[in-house]
N, C-alpha and C. Protein backbone atom coordinates (compact mmCIF):
# COMPACT_ATOMS: atom_id res chain seq x y z
N MET A 1 3.48 4.67 9.37
CA MET A 1 5.03 5.28 9.10
C MET A 1 5.04 6.13 7.93
N ASP A 2 4.29 5.57 6.83
CA ASP A 2 4.20 6.28 5.69
C ASP A 2 3.62 7.71 5.77
N GLY A 3 2.66 7.84 6.44
CA GLY A 3 1.98 9.11 6.80
C GLY A 3 2.97 10.19 7.34
N LEU A 4 3.70 9.75 8.16
CA LEU A 4 4.78 10.46 8.76
C LEU A 4 5.90 11.28 7.77
N ILE A 5 6.13 10.49 6.72
CA ILE A 5 7.01 11.02 5.55
C ILE A 5 6.10 11.83 4.68
N VAL A 6 4.97 11.21 4.20
CA VAL A 6 4.23 11.71 2.91
C VAL A 6 3.76 13.04 3.44
N GLY A 7 3.05 13.07 4.78
CA GLY A 7 2.51 14.31 5.07
C GLY A 7 3.37 15.65 4.98
N PRO A 8 4.39 15.69 5.61
CA PRO A 8 5.36 16.86 5.67
C PRO A 8 5.93 17.11 4.39
N SER A 9 6.18 16.00 3.57
CA SER A 9 6.88 16.36 2.23
C SER A 9 5.80 17.22 1.42
N HIS A 10 4.43 16.75 1.49
CA HIS A 10 3.35 17.14 0.66
C HIS A 10 3.29 18.66 1.15
N ILE A 11 3.10 18.76 2.44
CA ILE A 11 3.01 20.33 2.88
C ILE A 11 3.97 21.08 2.48
N LEU A 12 5.34 20.47 2.48
CA LEU A 12 6.56 21.37 2.00
C LEU A 12 6.48 21.81 0.74
N LEU A 13 5.95 20.84 -0.23
CA LEU A 13 5.55 21.21 -1.80
C LEU A 13 4.56 22.09 -1.90
N ASP A 14 3.60 21.96 -1.15
CA ASP A 14 2.51 22.90 -1.26
C ASP A 14 2.73 24.31 -0.82
N VAL A 15 3.69 24.68 -0.02
CA VAL A 15 4.04 25.89 0.41
C VAL A 15 4.60 26.83 -0.87
N PHE A 16 5.03 26.01 -1.81
CA PHE A 16 5.67 26.73 -3.09
C PHE A 16 4.42 27.24 -4.06
N THR A 17 3.27 26.65 -3.84
CA THR A 17 2.33 26.91 -4.75
C THR A 17 1.52 28.24 -4.66
N GLU A 18 0.55 28.44 -5.47
CA GLU A 18 -0.06 29.84 -5.50
C GLU A 18 -0.68 30.17 -4.20
N ARG A 19 -1.37 29.28 -3.64
CA ARG A 19 -2.24 29.51 -2.34
C ARG A 19 -1.52 29.11 -1.15
N GLY A 20 -0.48 28.37 -1.31
CA GLY A 20 0.28 27.88 -0.02
C GLY A 20 -0.55 27.15 1.01
N ILE A 21 -0.23 27.10 2.29
CA ILE A 21 -0.86 26.18 3.19
C ILE A 21 -1.55 27.11 4.26
N TYR A 22 -2.38 26.52 5.32
CA TYR A 22 -2.80 27.28 6.14
C TYR A 22 -2.33 27.01 7.46
N ILE A 23 -1.68 28.10 7.95
CA ILE A 23 -1.20 28.05 9.48
C ILE A 23 -1.92 29.04 10.49
N LYS A 24 -1.72 28.71 11.77
CA LYS A 24 -2.49 29.41 12.74
C LYS A 24 -1.65 30.46 13.28
N ARG A 25 -2.11 31.69 13.08
CA ARG A 25 -1.27 32.75 13.67
C ARG A 25 -2.43 33.68 14.66
N ASN A 26 -2.18 33.90 15.64
CA ASN A 26 -2.99 34.73 16.59
C ASN A 26 -4.33 34.31 16.52
N GLY A 27 -4.41 33.17 16.75
CA GLY A 27 -5.69 32.44 16.90
C GLY A 27 -6.53 32.16 15.52
N LYS A 28 -6.08 32.68 14.53
CA LYS A 28 -6.82 32.72 13.18
C LYS A 28 -5.96 31.87 12.09
N TRP A 29 -6.59 31.41 11.23
CA TRP A 29 -6.02 30.40 10.22
C TRP A 29 -5.61 31.50 8.96
N ARG A 30 -4.41 31.54 8.64
CA ARG A 30 -3.95 32.24 7.64
C ARG A 30 -3.12 31.53 6.39
N ARG A 31 -3.20 32.06 5.41
CA ARG A 31 -2.59 31.35 4.32
C ARG A 31 -1.10 31.62 4.40
N PHE A 32 -0.21 30.65 4.07
CA PHE A 32 1.29 31.03 4.20
C PHE A 32 1.91 30.41 2.73
N ALA A 33 2.60 31.20 1.90
CA ALA A 33 3.27 30.78 0.88
C ALA A 33 4.76 31.20 0.73
N LEU A 34 5.68 30.49 0.39
CA LEU A 34 6.86 30.77 0.35
C LEU A 34 7.08 31.50 -1.11
N ALA A 35 6.36 30.92 -1.97
CA ALA A 35 6.42 31.48 -3.47
C ALA A 35 4.96 31.38 -4.12
N HIS A 36 4.80 31.96 -5.10
CA HIS A 36 3.38 32.07 -5.67
C HIS A 36 3.49 31.58 -7.15
N PHE A 37 3.96 30.32 -7.30
CA PHE A 37 4.05 29.56 -8.60
C PHE A 37 2.67 28.97 -8.93
N SER A 38 2.26 28.87 -10.26
CA SER A 38 0.89 28.31 -10.37
C SER A 38 1.12 26.62 -10.50
N TYR A 39 0.00 26.10 -10.28
CA TYR A 39 0.23 24.55 -10.57
C TYR A 39 0.54 24.00 -11.70
N ASP A 40 0.41 24.64 -12.80
CA ASP A 40 0.71 24.14 -13.94
C ASP A 40 2.14 24.74 -14.43
N ASN A 41 3.00 25.28 -13.77
CA ASN A 41 4.24 25.91 -14.23
C ASN A 41 5.12 24.58 -14.42
N PRO A 42 5.78 24.45 -15.74
CA PRO A 42 6.50 23.44 -16.09
C PRO A 42 7.85 23.31 -15.61
N ALA A 43 8.41 24.43 -15.22
CA ALA A 43 9.73 24.29 -14.48
C ALA A 43 9.61 23.91 -13.26
N ILE A 44 8.55 24.49 -12.55
CA ILE A 44 8.58 24.04 -10.95
C ILE A 44 8.13 22.64 -10.95
N ASN A 45 7.24 22.35 -11.69
CA ASN A 45 6.83 20.88 -11.78
C ASN A 45 8.09 20.06 -11.93
N GLY A 46 8.71 20.35 -12.71
CA GLY A 46 10.08 19.65 -13.13
C GLY A 46 11.03 19.55 -11.94
N LEU A 47 11.13 20.62 -11.24
CA LEU A 47 11.97 20.40 -10.13
C LEU A 47 11.30 19.81 -8.97
N VAL A 48 10.06 19.79 -8.99
CA VAL A 48 9.32 18.95 -7.72
C VAL A 48 9.59 17.46 -8.29
N ILE A 49 9.44 17.11 -9.54
CA ILE A 49 9.67 15.67 -9.79
C ILE A 49 11.03 15.16 -9.65
N ILE A 50 12.00 16.16 -9.73
CA ILE A 50 13.50 15.74 -9.32
C ILE A 50 13.67 15.65 -7.81
N ALA A 51 12.96 16.46 -7.11
CA ALA A 51 13.24 16.59 -5.88
C ALA A 51 12.48 15.29 -5.13
N GLY A 52 11.30 14.75 -5.88
CA GLY A 52 10.61 13.66 -5.53
C GLY A 52 11.38 12.39 -5.74
N VAL A 53 12.00 12.40 -6.83
CA VAL A 53 12.90 11.27 -7.05
C VAL A 53 14.04 11.07 -6.28
N ILE A 54 14.79 12.30 -5.69
CA ILE A 54 15.75 12.39 -4.99
C ILE A 54 15.25 11.80 -3.35
N MET A 55 14.10 12.12 -2.98
CA MET A 55 13.54 11.72 -1.76
C MET A 55 13.43 10.20 -1.87
N LEU A 56 12.83 9.79 -2.86
CA LEU A 56 12.68 8.32 -3.00
C LEU A 56 13.93 7.40 -3.05
N LEU A 57 14.94 8.04 -3.70
CA LEU A 57 16.02 7.22 -3.73
C LEU A 57 16.78 7.25 -2.33
N ALA A 58 16.58 8.40 -1.63
CA ALA A 58 17.07 8.53 -0.29
C ALA A 58 16.51 7.71 0.63
N ALA A 59 15.20 7.43 0.35
CA ALA A 59 14.32 6.44 1.29
C ALA A 59 14.57 5.01 0.83
N ILE A 60 14.81 4.77 -0.07
CA ILE A 60 15.39 3.17 -0.66
C ILE A 60 16.65 3.04 0.06
N GLU A 61 17.56 4.00 -0.07
CA GLU A 61 18.97 3.81 0.40
C GLU A 61 18.76 3.67 1.93
N LEU A 62 18.25 4.39 2.70
CA LEU A 62 18.11 4.09 3.94
C LEU A 62 17.50 3.01 4.37
N HIS A 63 16.58 2.47 3.66
CA HIS A 63 15.86 1.30 4.10
C HIS A 63 16.72 -0.17 3.91
N THR A 64 17.43 0.03 2.60
CA THR A 64 18.16 -1.19 2.51
C THR A 64 19.44 -0.92 3.45
N HIS A 65 19.95 0.01 3.59
CA HIS A 65 21.13 -0.02 4.54
C HIS A 65 20.73 -0.48 5.88
N TYR A 66 19.55 -0.08 6.60
CA TYR A 66 19.36 -0.49 7.84
C TYR A 66 18.66 -1.96 7.62
N TYR A 67 18.17 -2.44 6.61
CA TYR A 67 17.80 -3.90 6.53
C TYR A 67 18.72 -4.68 6.53
N TYR A 68 19.94 -4.32 5.71
CA TYR A 68 21.03 -5.24 5.73
C TYR A 68 21.92 -5.19 6.95
N TYR A 69 21.74 -4.06 7.66
CA TYR A 69 22.59 -4.00 8.94
C TYR A 69 21.81 -4.74 10.05
N TYR A 70 20.46 -4.85 10.13
CA TYR A 70 19.78 -5.73 10.91
C TYR A 70 19.79 -7.31 10.68
N TYR A 71 19.71 -7.61 9.43
CA TYR A 71 19.75 -8.79 8.80
C TYR A 71 21.15 -9.48 9.24
N HIS A 72 22.09 -8.82 8.97
CA HIS A 72 23.58 -9.25 9.29
C HIS A 72 23.73 -9.35 10.86
N TYR A 73 23.45 -8.35 11.61
CA TYR A 73 23.47 -8.40 13.09
C TYR A 73 22.70 -9.64 13.48
N TYR A 74 21.30 -9.98 13.12
CA TYR A 74 20.65 -11.02 13.96
C TYR A 74 21.23 -12.38 13.18
N SER A 75 21.69 -12.26 12.25
CA SER A 75 22.03 -13.59 11.60
C SER A 75 23.37 -14.06 12.15
N TYR A 76 24.33 -13.02 12.73
CA TYR A 76 25.56 -13.36 13.16
C TYR A 76 25.19 -13.96 14.64
N TYR A 77 24.43 -13.38 15.32
CA TYR A 77 24.18 -13.69 16.80
C TYR A 77 22.99 -14.75 17.09
N SER A 78 22.60 -15.36 15.94
CA SER A 78 21.66 -16.30 15.96
C SER A 78 22.21 -17.70 16.20
C-alpha cells in the first residue's frame, strides 16, 4: 500500500527537477520536466519539504478518521 502512495508522489516531485522523468512518446522514451530547477535549490527544497509535511499530515488525518470510524462501527455492532 505504501508503494502506491510513495511512488506517484516521488515522481510528481521529480518532474520539477532539472532532468525530470522519462515518459514514453511515439514508442521512444523521452525526458519530461515541468520546471528545470537544480537539485540543490534551497527555495524549491523548502517548498518540497512543506509539501511533504502537508502530505504526511493529510495521510495521518485520513488514517485516524477511518480508524476511529471502523473502530466505533464494529464496537457498536459487536
